């Protein structure tokens, strides 16, 4: 009888240890979809497609990108939230508007902190303050002089109310002691085009979104939100330098989330595969092209950063009076 009990205990313990492994082997048991809550061609989409290519090779399974744009990212994000929590649907999104959209939209929306299962933060990109390449404003000092000598004449573009190009710009201008009129656009592309054309004077996109235009001279960088100067922007100071505030930064993160309730063992497996993909030449190359920085954070750390970021986002929205609820 004792031998039987020992054998039974051993079987139960072995089965308990084996169950997670079996669950991991089963994933994915079909195609994996990465939802991008914006259109094609932007930096987020390009990163997602490189990840899809690499993950497909690693998993020997189809990995597709599904662009579901609209309502400031709400449509795609809600589609991901409603998907089956089996690890076969992932959301690839950016810090803002993921954290701000729920407070800008009326009706049904989502909880950024508790409505998803964080999987992995993979990268971040600094914001950069830009003007048209032929603008007479060549430095931040020029900008401050113009704003103070011509009150009411300065305007700036954003990719929409509550986006980082709106919120970080408002904070930056406040810290510089100047005022500028906000002109909200529906996309990064149109905001960029009108900045180049001079319809608006300033824009604060992510560096990933406009680096080629800066290199071509169609846009000029005045300052960058990175922790140190960017090699591809020689002579361009950081926000911390122009404000004389050490530690002042303006970044946007990019990361993967899964529907709430996705099993922990599946999350662990997906996280490991994403970490492997991040170190691959396929993904490293797209980071280098867009000047994004690898910024790995696993599921637990990412969850902490999302909760902290949501509070900062709400504070920024309150500062500009943009929150709808």
C-alpha atoms as a PDB file:
ATOM      1  CA  UNK A   1       0.000   0.000   0.000  1.00  0.00           C
ATOM      2  CA  UNK A   2       2.828   2.415   0.858  1.00  0.00           C
ATOM      3  CA  UNK A   3       4.455   1.724  -2.484  1.00  0.00           C
ATOM      4  CA  UNK A   4       1.139   2.381  -4.209  1.00  0.00           C
ATOM      5  CA  UNK A   5       0.709   5.690  -2.351  1.00  0.00           C
ATOM      6  CA  UNK A   6       4.242   6.755  -3.204  1.00  0.00           C
ATOM      7  CA  UNK A   7       3.659   5.884  -6.840  1.00  0.00           C
ATOM      8  CA  UNK A   8       0.385   7.796  -6.835  1.00  0.00           C
ATOM      9  CA  UNK A   9       1.968  10.879  -5.262  1.00  0.00           C
ATOM     10  CA  UNK A  10       4.793  10.704  -7.783  1.00  0.00           C
ATOM     11  CA  UNK A  11       2.329  10.443 -10.650  1.00  0.00           C
ATOM     12  CA  UNK A  12       0.305  13.425  -9.426  1.00  0.00           C
ATOM     13  CA  UNK A  13       3.404  15.574  -8.962  1.00  0.00           C
ATOM     14  CA  UNK A  14       4.745  14.553 -12.328  1.00  0.00           C
ATOM     15  CA  UNK A  15       1.448  15.342 -13.997  1.00  0.00           C
ATOM     16  CA  UNK A  16       1.343  18.757 -12.318  1.00  0.00           C
ATOM     17  CA  UNK A  17       4.817  19.551 -13.627  1.00  0.00           C
ATOM     18  CA  UNK A  18       4.019  18.211 -17.056  1.00  0.00           C
ATOM     19  CA  UNK A  19       0.748  20.118 -17.510  1.00  0.00           C
ATOM     20  CA  UNK A  20       2.312  23.557 -18.114  1.00  0.00           C
ATOM     21  CA  UNK A  21       4.792  22.027 -20.534  1.00  0.00           C
ATOM     22  CA  UNK A  22       2.001  20.355 -22.472  1.00  0.00           C
ATOM     23  CA  UNK A  23       0.039  23.603 -22.530  1.00  0.00           C
ATOM     24  CA  UNK A  24       3.068  25.429 -23.870  1.00  0.00           C
ATOM     25  CA  UNK A  25       3.618  22.847 -26.591  1.00  0.00           C
ATOM     26  CA  UNK A  26       0.026  23.265 -27.734  1.00  0.00           C
ATOM     27  CA  UNK A  27       0.493  26.992 -28.332  1.00  0.00           C
ATOM     28  CA  UNK A  28      -0.099  28.083 -30.948  1.00  0.00           C
ATOM     29  CA  UNK A  29      -2.633  25.538 -32.181  1.00  0.00           C
ATOM     30  CA  UNK A  30      -3.490  27.744 -35.161  1.00  0.00           C
ATOM     31  CA  UNK A  31      -2.660  31.099 -36.793  1.00  0.00           C
ATOM     32  CA  UNK A  32      -1.607  33.982 -34.552  1.00  0.00           C
ATOM     33  CA  UNK A  33      -3.036  37.444 -35.247  1.00  0.00           C
ATOM     34  CA  UNK A  34      -1.299  40.657 -34.201  1.00  0.00           C
ATOM     35  CA  UNK A  35      -3.827  43.492 -34.126  1.00  0.00           C
ATOM     36  CA  UNK A  36      -2.427  46.953 -34.840  1.00  0.00           C
ATOM     37  CA  UNK A  37      -5.078  49.559 -33.952  1.00  0.00           C
ATOM     38  CA  UNK A  38      -3.910  51.962 -36.673  1.00  0.00           C
ATOM     39  CA  UNK A  39      -3.429  51.992 -40.442  1.00  0.00           C
ATOM     40  CA  UNK A  40      -0.577  50.623 -42.501  1.00  0.00           C
ATOM     41  CA  UNK A  41       2.788  52.226 -43.170  1.00  0.00           C
ATOM     42  CA  UNK A  42       3.433  53.912 -39.798  1.00  0.00           C
ATOM     43  CA  UNK A  43       6.253  52.962 -37.441  1.00  0.00           C
ATOM     44  CA  UNK A  44       4.009  50.787 -35.262  1.00  0.00           C
ATOM     45  CA  UNK A  45       2.786  48.844 -38.284  1.00  0.00           C
ATOM     46  CA  UNK A  46       6.298  48.357 -39.683  1.00  0.00           C
ATOM     47  CA  UNK A  47       7.523  46.994 -36.331  1.00  0.00           C
ATOM     48  CA  UNK A  48       4.522  44.676 -36.070  1.00  0.00           C
ATOM     49  CA  UNK A  49       5.165  43.224 -39.531  1.00  0.00           C
ATOM     50  CA  UNK A  50       8.810  42.543 -38.730  1.00  0.00           C
ATOM     51  CA  UNK A  51       7.768  40.802 -35.531  1.00  0.00           C
ATOM     52  CA  UNK A  52       5.171  38.786 -37.448  1.00  0.00           C
ATOM     53  CA  UNK A  53       7.795  37.631 -39.936  1.00  0.00           C
ATOM     54  CA  UNK A  54      10.234  36.595 -37.211  1.00  0.00           C
ATOM     55  CA  UNK A  55       7.640  34.958 -34.953  1.00  0.00           C
ATOM     56  CA  UNK A  56       6.263  33.012 -37.900  1.00  0.00           C
ATOM     57  CA  UNK A  57       9.726  31.582 -38.509  1.00  0.00           C
ATOM     58  CA  UNK A  58      10.272  30.747 -34.846  1.00  0.00           C
ATOM     59  CA  UNK A  59       6.883  29.089 -34.383  1.00  0.00           C
ATOM     60  CA  UNK A  60       6.615  27.526 -37.830  1.00  0.00           C
ATOM     61  CA  UNK A  61       3.050  28.846 -37.846  1.00  0.00           C
ATOM     62  CA  UNK A  62       1.186  31.649 -39.647  1.00  0.00           C
ATOM     63  CA  UNK A  63       1.473  35.018 -37.877  1.00  0.00           C
ATOM     64  CA  UNK A  64      -0.507  37.810 -39.537  1.00  0.00           C
ATOM     65  CA  UNK A  65      -0.940  41.530 -38.892  1.00  0.00           C
ATOM     66  CA  UNK A  66      -4.502  42.854 -38.837  1.00  0.00           C
ATOM     67  CA  UNK A  67      -4.792  46.652 -39.041  1.00  0.00           C
ATOM     68  CA  UNK A  68      -8.026  47.806 -37.384  1.00  0.00           C
ATOM     69  CA  UNK A  69      -7.888  51.592 -37.365  1.00  0.00           C
ATOM     70  CA  UNK A  70     -10.438  54.113 -36.196  1.00  0.00           C
ATOM     71  CA  UNK A  71     -11.587  56.142 -33.174  1.00  0.00           C
ATOM     72  CA  UNK A  72      -8.062  56.911 -32.018  1.00  0.00           C
ATOM     73  CA  UNK A  73      -7.145  53.241 -31.773  1.00  0.00           C
ATOM     74  CA  UNK A  74     -10.314  52.261 -29.894  1.00  0.00           C
ATOM     75  CA  UNK A  75     -11.723  49.972 -32.598  1.00  0.00           C
ATOM     76  CA  UNK A  76      -8.659  47.757 -32.844  1.00  0.00           C
ATOM     77  CA  UNK A  77      -8.002  47.768 -29.117  1.00  0.00           C
ATOM     78  CA  UNK A  78     -11.570  46.721 -28.326  1.00  0.00           C
ATOM     79  CA  UNK A  79     -11.351  43.957 -30.945  1.00  0.00           C
ATOM     80  CA  UNK A  80      -8.289  42.621 -29.140  1.00  0.00           C
ATOM     81  CA  UNK A  81      -9.992  42.908 -25.749  1.00  0.00           C
ATOM     82  CA  UNK A  82     -12.933  40.811 -26.994  1.00  0.00           C
ATOM     83  CA  UNK A  83     -10.815  38.094 -28.584  1.00  0.00           C
ATOM     84  CA  UNK A  84     -10.539  34.617 -27.075  1.00  0.00           C
ATOM     85  CA  UNK A  85      -7.871  34.574 -24.323  1.00  0.00           C
ATOM     86  CA  UNK A  86      -5.843  31.748 -25.846  1.00  0.00           C
ATOM     87  CA  UNK A  87      -2.692  33.592 -26.933  1.00  0.00           C
ATOM     88  CA  UNK A  88      -3.626  33.524 -30.600  1.00  0.00           C
ATOM     89  CA  UNK A  89      -4.669  37.194 -30.663  1.00  0.00           C
ATOM     90  CA  UNK A  90      -2.176  39.825 -29.549  1.00  0.00           C
ATOM     91  CA  UNK A  91      -2.437  43.606 -29.480  1.00  0.00           C
ATOM     92  CA  UNK A  92       0.640  45.547 -30.563  1.00  0.00           C
ATOM     93  CA  UNK A  93       0.220  49.152 -29.540  1.00  0.00           C
ATOM     94  CA  UNK A  94       1.898  52.314 -28.297  1.00  0.00           C
ATOM     95  CA  UNK A  95       1.836  53.901 -24.840  1.00  0.00           C
ATOM     96  CA  UNK A  96      -0.327  56.811 -25.938  1.00  0.00           C
ATOM     97  CA  UNK A  97      -3.051  56.506 -27.179  1.00  0.00           C
ATOM     98  CA  UNK A  98      -3.477  53.119 -25.434  1.00  0.00           C
ATOM     99  CA  UNK A  99      -3.432  54.842 -22.038  1.00  0.00           C
ATOM    100  CA  UNK A 100      -5.406  57.942 -23.019  1.00  0.00           C
ATOM    101  CA  UNK A 101      -8.114  56.750 -25.443  1.00  0.00           C
ATOM    102  CA  UNK A 102     -10.450  55.443 -22.696  1.00  0.00           C
ATOM    103  CA  UNK A 103     -10.622  58.945 -21.210  1.00  0.00           C
ATOM    104  CA  UNK A 104     -11.301  60.655 -24.528  1.00  0.00           C
ATOM    105  CA  UNK A 105     -14.103  58.459 -25.862  1.00  0.00           C
ATOM    106  CA  UNK A 106     -17.700  58.388 -24.729  1.00  0.00           C
ATOM    107  CA  UNK A 107     -19.508  55.065 -24.397  1.00  0.00           C
ATOM    108  CA  UNK A 108     -18.015  51.618 -24.036  1.00  0.00           C
ATOM    109  CA  UNK A 109     -14.269  51.498 -23.799  1.00  0.00           C
ATOM    110  CA  UNK A 110     -11.580  49.564 -21.865  1.00  0.00           C
ATOM    111  CA  UNK A 111      -9.488  49.695 -18.710  1.00  0.00           C
ATOM    112  CA  UNK A 112      -5.812  50.075 -19.672  1.00  0.00           C
ATOM    113  CA  UNK A 113      -4.522  48.695 -16.371  1.00  0.00           C
ATOM    114  CA  UNK A 114      -6.946  45.827 -15.753  1.00  0.00           C
ATOM    115  CA  UNK A 115      -8.572  45.145 -19.113  1.00  0.00           C
ATOM    116  CA  UNK A 116      -5.663  43.264 -20.719  1.00  0.00           C
ATOM    117  CA  UNK A 117      -2.911  40.809 -19.889  1.00  0.00           C
ATOM    118  CA  UNK A 118       0.445  42.559 -20.464  1.00  0.00           C
ATOM    119  CA  UNK A 119       2.929  40.343 -22.307  1.00  0.00           C
ATOM    120  CA  UNK A 120       6.042  42.348 -23.164  1.00  0.00           C
ATOM    121  CA  UNK A 121       7.247  45.889 -23.755  1.00  0.00           C
ATOM    122  CA  UNK A 122       9.764  45.694 -26.581  1.00  0.00           C
ATOM    123  CA  UNK A 123      10.910  49.175 -27.583  1.00  0.00           C
ATOM    124  CA  UNK A 124      10.637  52.894 -27.059  1.00  0.00           C
ATOM    125  CA  UNK A 125      11.203  55.918 -29.259  1.00  0.00           C
ATOM    126  CA  UNK A 126      11.910  59.500 -28.178  1.00  0.00           C
ATOM    127  CA  UNK A 127       9.739  62.358 -29.331  1.00  0.00           C
ATOM    128  CA  UNK A 128      11.328  65.097 -31.382  1.00  0.00           C
ATOM    129  CA  UNK A 129      10.249  68.721 -31.767  1.00  0.00           C
ATOM    130  CA  UNK A 130      10.295  69.565 -35.478  1.00  0.00           C
ATOM    131  CA  UNK A 131       9.640  72.464 -37.839  1.00  0.00           C
ATOM    132  CA  UNK A 132       9.622  72.631 -41.630  1.00  0.00           C
ATOM    133  CA  UNK A 133      13.049  72.308 -43.206  1.00  0.00           C
ATOM    134  CA  UNK A 134      12.834  75.856 -44.536  1.00  0.00           C
ATOM    135  CA  UNK A 135      11.460  77.405 -41.335  1.00  0.00           C
ATOM    136  CA  UNK A 136      13.110  80.540 -39.971  1.00  0.00           C
ATOM    137  CA  UNK A 137      12.944  78.879 -36.530  1.00  0.00           C
ATOM    138  CA  UNK A 138      16.240  77.032 -36.265  1.00  0.00           C
ATOM    139  CA  UNK A 139      16.667  76.532 -32.511  1.00  0.00           C
ATOM    140  CA  UNK A 140      14.589  76.377 -29.354  1.00  0.00           C
ATOM    141  CA  UNK A 141      15.847  79.873 -28.498  1.00  0.00           C
ATOM    142  CA  UNK A 142      14.438  81.086 -31.834  1.00  0.00           C
ATOM    143  CA  UNK A 143      11.150  79.405 -30.964  1.00  0.00           C
ATOM    144  CA  UNK A 144      10.923  81.087 -27.566  1.00  0.00           C
ATOM    145  CA  UNK A 145      11.777  84.508 -29.025  1.00  0.00           C
ATOM    146  CA  UNK A 146       9.152  84.147 -31.757  1.00  0.00           C
ATOM    147  CA  UNK A 147       6.467  82.993 -29.326  1.00  0.00           C
ATOM    148  CA  UNK A 148       7.094  85.900 -26.950  1.00  0.00           C
ATOM    149  CA  UNK A 149       7.426  88.569 -29.643  1.00  0.00           C
ATOM    150  CA  UNK A 150       4.382  87.389 -31.629  1.00  0.00           C
ATOM    151  CA  UNK A 151       1.760  86.244 -29.125  1.00  0.00           C
ATOM    152  CA  UNK A 152      -1.058  84.203 -30.644  1.00  0.00           C
ATOM    153  CA  UNK A 153       0.874  83.524 -33.858  1.00  0.00           C
ATOM    154  CA  UNK A 154       2.419  80.155 -32.936  1.00  0.00           C
ATOM    155  CA  UNK A 155       0.614  76.885 -33.618  1.00  0.00           C
ATOM    156  CA  UNK A 156       1.457  73.206 -33.422  1.00  0.00           C
ATOM    157  CA  UNK A 157       0.147  70.018 -34.965  1.00  0.00           C
ATOM    158  CA  UNK A 158      -0.704  66.793 -33.193  1.00  0.00           C
ATOM    159  CA  UNK A 159      -1.854  63.372 -34.335  1.00  0.00           C
ATOM    160  CA  UNK A 160      -5.054  63.905 -32.347  1.00  0.00           C
ATOM    161  CA  UNK A 161      -6.319  65.048 -28.961  1.00  0.00           C
ATOM    162  CA  UNK A 162      -4.707  63.016 -26.192  1.00  0.00           C
ATOM    163  CA  UNK A 163      -1.909  61.612 -28.324  1.00  0.00           C
ATOM    164  CA  UNK A 164       1.666  62.029 -27.107  1.00  0.00           C
ATOM    165  CA  UNK A 165       2.319  64.629 -29.810  1.00  0.00           C
ATOM    166  CA  UNK A 166      -0.408  66.683 -28.133  1.00  0.00           C
ATOM    167  CA  UNK A 167       0.245  66.025 -24.442  1.00  0.00           C
ATOM    168  CA  UNK A 168       4.041  66.125 -24.466  1.00  0.00           C
ATOM    169  CA  UNK A 169       3.976  69.289 -26.585  1.00  0.00           C
ATOM    170  CA  UNK A 170       1.630  71.053 -24.183  1.00  0.00           C
ATOM    171  CA  UNK A 171       3.896  70.103 -21.276  1.00  0.00           C
ATOM    172  CA  UNK A 172       7.034  71.153 -23.137  1.00  0.00           C
ATOM    173  CA  UNK A 173       5.604  74.547 -24.087  1.00  0.00           C
ATOM    174  CA  UNK A 174       4.449  75.113 -20.513  1.00  0.00           C
ATOM    175  CA  UNK A 175       7.949  74.316 -19.257  1.00  0.00           C
ATOM    176  CA  UNK A 176       9.434  76.679 -21.859  1.00  0.00           C
ATOM    177  CA  UNK A 177       7.073  79.418 -20.701  1.00  0.00           C
ATOM    178  CA  UNK A 178       5.404  79.884 -24.106  1.00  0.00           C
ATOM    179  CA  UNK A 179       1.951  79.345 -25.585  1.00  0.00           C
ATOM    180  CA  UNK A 180       0.943  77.746 -28.879  1.00  0.00           C
ATOM    181  CA  UNK A 181      -2.404  76.960 -30.479  1.00  0.00           C
ATOM    182  CA  UNK A 182      -3.181  73.254 -30.840  1.00  0.00           C
ATOM    183  CA  UNK A 183      -4.246  71.979 -34.282  1.00  0.00           C
ATOM    184  CA  UNK A 184      -5.412  68.348 -34.055  1.00  0.00           C
ATOM    185  CA  UNK A 185      -5.075  66.067 -37.083  1.00  0.00           C
ATOM    186  CA  UNK A 186      -6.469  62.578 -37.611  1.00  0.00           C
ATOM    187  CA  UNK A 187      -3.154  60.950 -38.418  1.00  0.00           C
ATOM    188  CA  UNK A 188       0.595  61.327 -38.176  1.00  0.00           C
ATOM    189  CA  UNK A 189       0.843  61.495 -41.967  1.00  0.00           C
ATOM    190  CA  UNK A 190      -1.387  64.543 -42.426  1.00  0.00           C
ATOM    191  CA  UNK A 191       0.153  66.333 -39.443  1.00  0.00           C
ATOM    192  CA  UNK A 192       3.606  65.736 -40.893  1.00  0.00           C
ATOM    193  CA  UNK A 193       2.589  66.881 -44.372  1.00  0.00           C
ATOM    194  CA  UNK A 194       1.149  70.163 -43.097  1.00  0.00           C
ATOM    195  CA  UNK A 195       4.213  70.798 -40.931  1.00  0.00           C
ATOM    196  CA  UNK A 196       6.447  70.369 -43.971  1.00  0.00           C
ATOM    197  CA  UNK A 197       4.148  72.648 -45.966  1.00  0.00           C
ATOM    198  CA  UNK A 198       4.104  75.355 -43.295  1.00  0.00           C
ATOM    199  CA  UNK A 199       0.375  75.183 -42.547  1.00  0.00           C
ATOM    200  CA  UNK A 200       1.437  74.544 -38.947  1.00  0.00           C
ATOM    201  CA  UNK A 201       4.763  75.553 -37.471  1.00  0.00           C
ATOM    202  CA  UNK A 202       5.586  72.831 -34.943  1.00  0.00           C
ATOM    203  CA  UNK A 203       5.026  69.128 -34.422  1.00  0.00           C
ATOM    204  CA  UNK A 204       6.212  66.654 -31.784  1.00  0.00           C
ATOM    205  CA  UNK A 205       6.066  63.152 -33.330  1.00  0.00           C
ATOM    206  CA  UNK A 206       8.108  60.136 -32.351  1.00  0.00           C
ATOM    207  CA  UNK A 207      11.542  60.031 -33.924  1.00  0.00           C
ATOM    208  CA  UNK A 208      10.649  56.683 -35.516  1.00  0.00           C
ATOM    209  CA  UNK A 209       7.874  58.365 -37.495  1.00  0.00           C
ATOM    210  CA  UNK A 210       9.921  61.182 -39.064  1.00  0.00           C
ATOM    211  CA  UNK A 211      13.593  60.194 -39.097  1.00  0.00           C
ATOM    212  CA  UNK A 212      13.789  59.810 -42.920  1.00  0.00           C
ATOM    213  CA  UNK A 213      12.207  63.259 -43.393  1.00  0.00           C
ATOM    214  CA  UNK A 214      14.737  64.780 -41.014  1.00  0.00           C
ATOM    215  CA  UNK A 215      17.578  63.135 -42.898  1.00  0.00           C
ATOM    216  CA  UNK A 216      16.156  64.422 -46.206  1.00  0.00           C
ATOM    217  CA  UNK A 217      15.924  67.980 -44.841  1.00  0.00           C
ATOM    218  CA  UNK A 218      12.156  68.228 -45.243  1.00  0.00           C
ATOM    219  CA  UNK A 219      11.901  68.680 -41.479  1.00  0.00           C
ATOM    220  CA  UNK A 220      14.338  70.222 -38.998  1.00  0.00           C
ATOM    221  CA  UNK A 221      14.732  68.979 -35.416  1.00  0.00           C
ATOM    222  CA  UNK A 222      14.936  71.558 -32.630  1.00  0.00           C
ATOM    223  CA  UNK A 223      15.225  69.192 -29.666  1.00  0.00           C
ATOM    224  CA  UNK A 224      14.728  65.519 -28.851  1.00  0.00           C
ATOM    225  CA  UNK A 225      13.157  63.838 -25.821  1.00  0.00           C
ATOM    226  CA  UNK A 226      15.812  61.148 -25.438  1.00  0.00           C
ATOM    227  CA  UNK A 227      17.965  60.651 -22.361  1.00  0.00           C
ATOM    228  CA  UNK A 228      21.081  61.578 -24.377  1.00  0.00           C
ATOM    229  CA  UNK A 229      21.757  63.184 -27.782  1.00  0.00           C
ATOM    230  CA  UNK A 230      20.883  61.024 -30.804  1.00  0.00           C
ATOM    231  CA  UNK A 231      23.766  60.146 -33.118  1.00  0.00           C
ATOM    232  CA  UNK A 232      21.562  60.473 -36.199  1.00  0.00           C
ATOM    233  CA  UNK A 233      20.629  64.036 -35.162  1.00  0.00           C
ATOM    234  CA  UNK A 234      24.040  65.708 -34.806  1.00  0.00           C
ATOM    235  CA  UNK A 235      23.937  68.995 -32.927  1.00  0.00           C
ATOM    236  CA  UNK A 236      20.328  68.572 -31.785  1.00  0.00           C
ATOM    237  CA  UNK A 237      20.019  69.047 -27.997  1.00  0.00           C
ATOM    238  CA  UNK A 238      17.804  67.037 -25.677  1.00  0.00           C
ATOM    239  CA  UNK A 239      14.804  68.528 -23.899  1.00  0.00           C
ATOM    240  CA  UNK A 240      16.749  68.137 -20.651  1.00  0.00           C
ATOM    241  CA  UNK A 241      19.553  70.291 -22.038  1.00  0.00           C
ATOM    242  CA  UNK A 242      17.395  73.137 -23.382  1.00  0.00           C
ATOM    243  CA  UNK A 243      15.293  73.215 -20.217  1.00  0.00           C
ATOM    244  CA  UNK A 244      18.281  72.662 -17.936  1.00  0.00           C
ATOM    245  CA  UNK A 245      16.295  69.927 -16.204  1.00  0.00           C
ATOM    246  CA  UNK A 246      18.333  66.708 -15.872  1.00  0.00           C
ATOM    247  CA  UNK A 247      16.208  63.593 -16.353  1.00  0.00           C
ATOM    248  CA  UNK A 248      13.539  65.334 -18.457  1.00  0.00           C
ATOM    249  CA  UNK A 249      12.456  62.799 -21.114  1.00  0.00           C
ATOM    250  CA  UNK A 250       9.646  62.239 -23.597  1.00  0.00           C
ATOM    251  CA  UNK A 251       9.357  58.702 -24.950  1.00  0.00           C
ATOM    252  CA  UNK A 252       6.619  56.445 -26.267  1.00  0.00           C
ATOM    253  CA  UNK A 253       6.783  52.688 -25.658  1.00  0.00           C
ATOM    254  CA  UNK A 254       5.692  49.878 -27.966  1.00  0.00           C
ATOM    255  CA  UNK A 255       4.463  46.579 -26.588  1.00  0.00           C
ATOM    256  CA  UNK A 256       2.366  43.430 -26.818  1.00  0.00           C
ATOM    257  CA  UNK A 257      -0.742  42.700 -24.772  1.00  0.00           C
ATOM    258  CA  UNK A 258      -3.162  39.777 -24.769  1.00  0.00           C
ATOM    259  CA  UNK A 259      -6.863  39.562 -23.880  1.00  0.00           C
ATOM    260  CA  UNK A 260      -7.596  39.466 -20.169  1.00  0.00           C
ATOM    261  CA  UNK A 261      -7.651  35.922 -18.836  1.00  0.00           C
ATOM    262  CA  UNK A 262      -4.942  34.527 -21.099  1.00  0.00           C
ATOM    263  CA  UNK A 263      -3.390  31.609 -19.129  1.00  0.00           C
ATOM    264  CA  UNK A 264      -0.097  32.443 -17.379  1.00  0.00           C
ATOM    265  CA  UNK A 265       1.759  29.560 -19.032  1.00  0.00           C
ATOM    266  CA  UNK A 266       0.726  30.807 -22.455  1.00  0.00           C
ATOM    267  CA  UNK A 267       1.754  34.370 -21.535  1.00  0.00           C
ATOM    268  CA  UNK A 268       5.149  33.060 -20.418  1.00  0.00           C
ATOM    269  CA  UNK A 269       5.629  31.207 -23.705  1.00  0.00           C
ATOM    270  CA  UNK A 270       4.568  34.190 -25.831  1.00  0.00           C
ATOM    271  CA  UNK A 271       6.837  36.476 -23.806  1.00  0.00           C
ATOM    272  CA  UNK A 272       9.832  34.212 -24.400  1.00  0.00           C
ATOM    273  CA  UNK A 273       9.146  34.008 -28.120  1.00  0.00           C
ATOM    274  CA  UNK A 274       8.830  37.802 -28.335  1.00  0.00           C
ATOM    275  CA  UNK A 275      12.094  38.253 -26.417  1.00  0.00           C
ATOM    276  CA  UNK A 276      13.820  35.902 -28.862  1.00  0.00           C
ATOM    277  CA  UNK A 277      12.335  37.792 -31.809  1.00  0.00           C
ATOM    278  CA  UNK A 278      13.509  41.121 -30.375  1.00  0.00           C
ATOM    279  CA  UNK A 279      17.118  39.911 -30.476  1.00  0.00           C
ATOM    280  CA  UNK A 280      16.837  38.665 -34.079  1.00  0.00           C
ATOM    281  CA  UNK A 281      18.425  40.544 -37.027  1.00  0.00           C
ATOM    282  CA  UNK A 282      14.950  40.988 -38.543  1.00  0.00           C
ATOM    283  CA  UNK A 283      13.718  43.075 -35.607  1.00  0.00           C
ATOM    284  CA  UNK A 284      17.054  44.663 -34.721  1.00  0.00           C
ATOM    285  CA  UNK A 285      17.255  46.010 -38.272  1.00  0.00           C
ATOM    286  CA  UNK A 286      13.878  47.729 -38.102  1.00  0.00           C
ATOM    287  CA  UNK A 287      14.837  49.272 -34.753  1.00  0.00           C
ATOM    288  CA  UNK A 288      18.038  50.588 -36.333  1.00  0.00           C
ATOM    289  CA  UNK A 289      16.152  51.988 -39.335  1.00  0.00           C
ATOM    290  CA  UNK A 290      13.640  53.850 -37.170  1.00  0.00           C
ATOM    291  CA  UNK A 291      16.089  54.682 -34.352  1.00  0.00           C
ATOM    292  CA  UNK A 292      13.849  52.957 -31.837  1.00  0.00           C
ATOM    293  CA  UNK A 293      15.537  51.625 -28.720  1.00  0.00           C
ATOM    294  CA  UNK A 294      15.069  48.043 -27.543  1.00  0.00           C
ATOM    295  CA  UNK A 295      13.453  48.284 -24.108  1.00  0.00           C
ATOM    296  CA  UNK A 296      12.564  44.857 -22.858  1.00  0.00           C
ATOM    297  CA  UNK A 297      10.132  44.454 -19.974  1.00  0.00           C
ATOM    298  CA  UNK A 298       8.450  41.156 -19.153  1.00  0.00           C
ATOM    299  CA  UNK A 299       4.807  40.718 -18.273  1.00  0.00           C
ATOM    300  CA  UNK A 300       5.074  41.670 -14.594  1.00  0.00           C
ATOM    301  CA  UNK A 301       7.259  44.727 -15.081  1.00  0.00           C
ATOM    302  CA  UNK A 302       5.177  45.833 -18.066  1.00  0.00           C
ATOM    303  CA  UNK A 303       2.029  45.648 -15.930  1.00  0.00           C
ATOM    304  CA  UNK A 304       3.650  47.936 -13.342  1.00  0.00           C
ATOM    305  CA  UNK A 305       4.710  50.419 -16.020  1.00  0.00           C
ATOM    306  CA  UNK A 306       1.213  50.469 -17.534  1.00  0.00           C
ATOM    307  CA  UNK A 307      -0.365  51.256 -14.156  1.00  0.00           C
ATOM    308  CA  UNK A 308       2.146  54.033 -13.484  1.00  0.00           C
ATOM    309  CA  UNK A 309       1.801  55.367 -17.026  1.00  0.00           C
ATOM    310  CA  UNK A 310      -1.980  55.503 -16.814  1.00  0.00           C
ATOM    311  CA  UNK A 311      -1.735  57.822 -13.815  1.00  0.00           C
ATOM    312  CA  UNK A 312       0.709  60.104 -15.670  1.00  0.00           C
ATOM    313  CA  UNK A 313      -1.578  60.086 -18.706  1.00  0.00           C
ATOM    314  CA  UNK A 314      -4.580  61.127 -16.658  1.00  0.00           C
ATOM    315  CA  UNK A 315      -2.561  63.928 -15.063  1.00  0.00           C
ATOM    316  CA  UNK A 316      -1.498  65.215 -18.491  1.00  0.00           C
ATOM    317  CA  UNK A 317      -5.056  65.038 -19.800  1.00  0.00           C
ATOM    318  CA  UNK A 318      -6.267  67.000 -16.775  1.00  0.00           C
ATOM    319  CA  UNK A 319      -3.521  69.574 -17.349  1.00  0.00           C
ATOM    320  CA  UNK A 320      -4.742  70.303 -20.886  1.00  0.00           C
ATOM    321  CA  UNK A 321      -8.434  69.872 -20.024  1.00  0.00           C
ATOM    322  CA  UNK A 322      -8.837  67.111 -22.584  1.00  0.00           C
ATOM    323  CA  UNK A 323     -10.443  64.288 -20.586  1.00  0.00           C
ATOM    324  CA  UNK A 324     -14.012  63.512 -21.603  1.00  0.00           C
ATOM    325  CA  UNK A 325     -14.789  61.446 -18.486  1.00  0.00           C
END
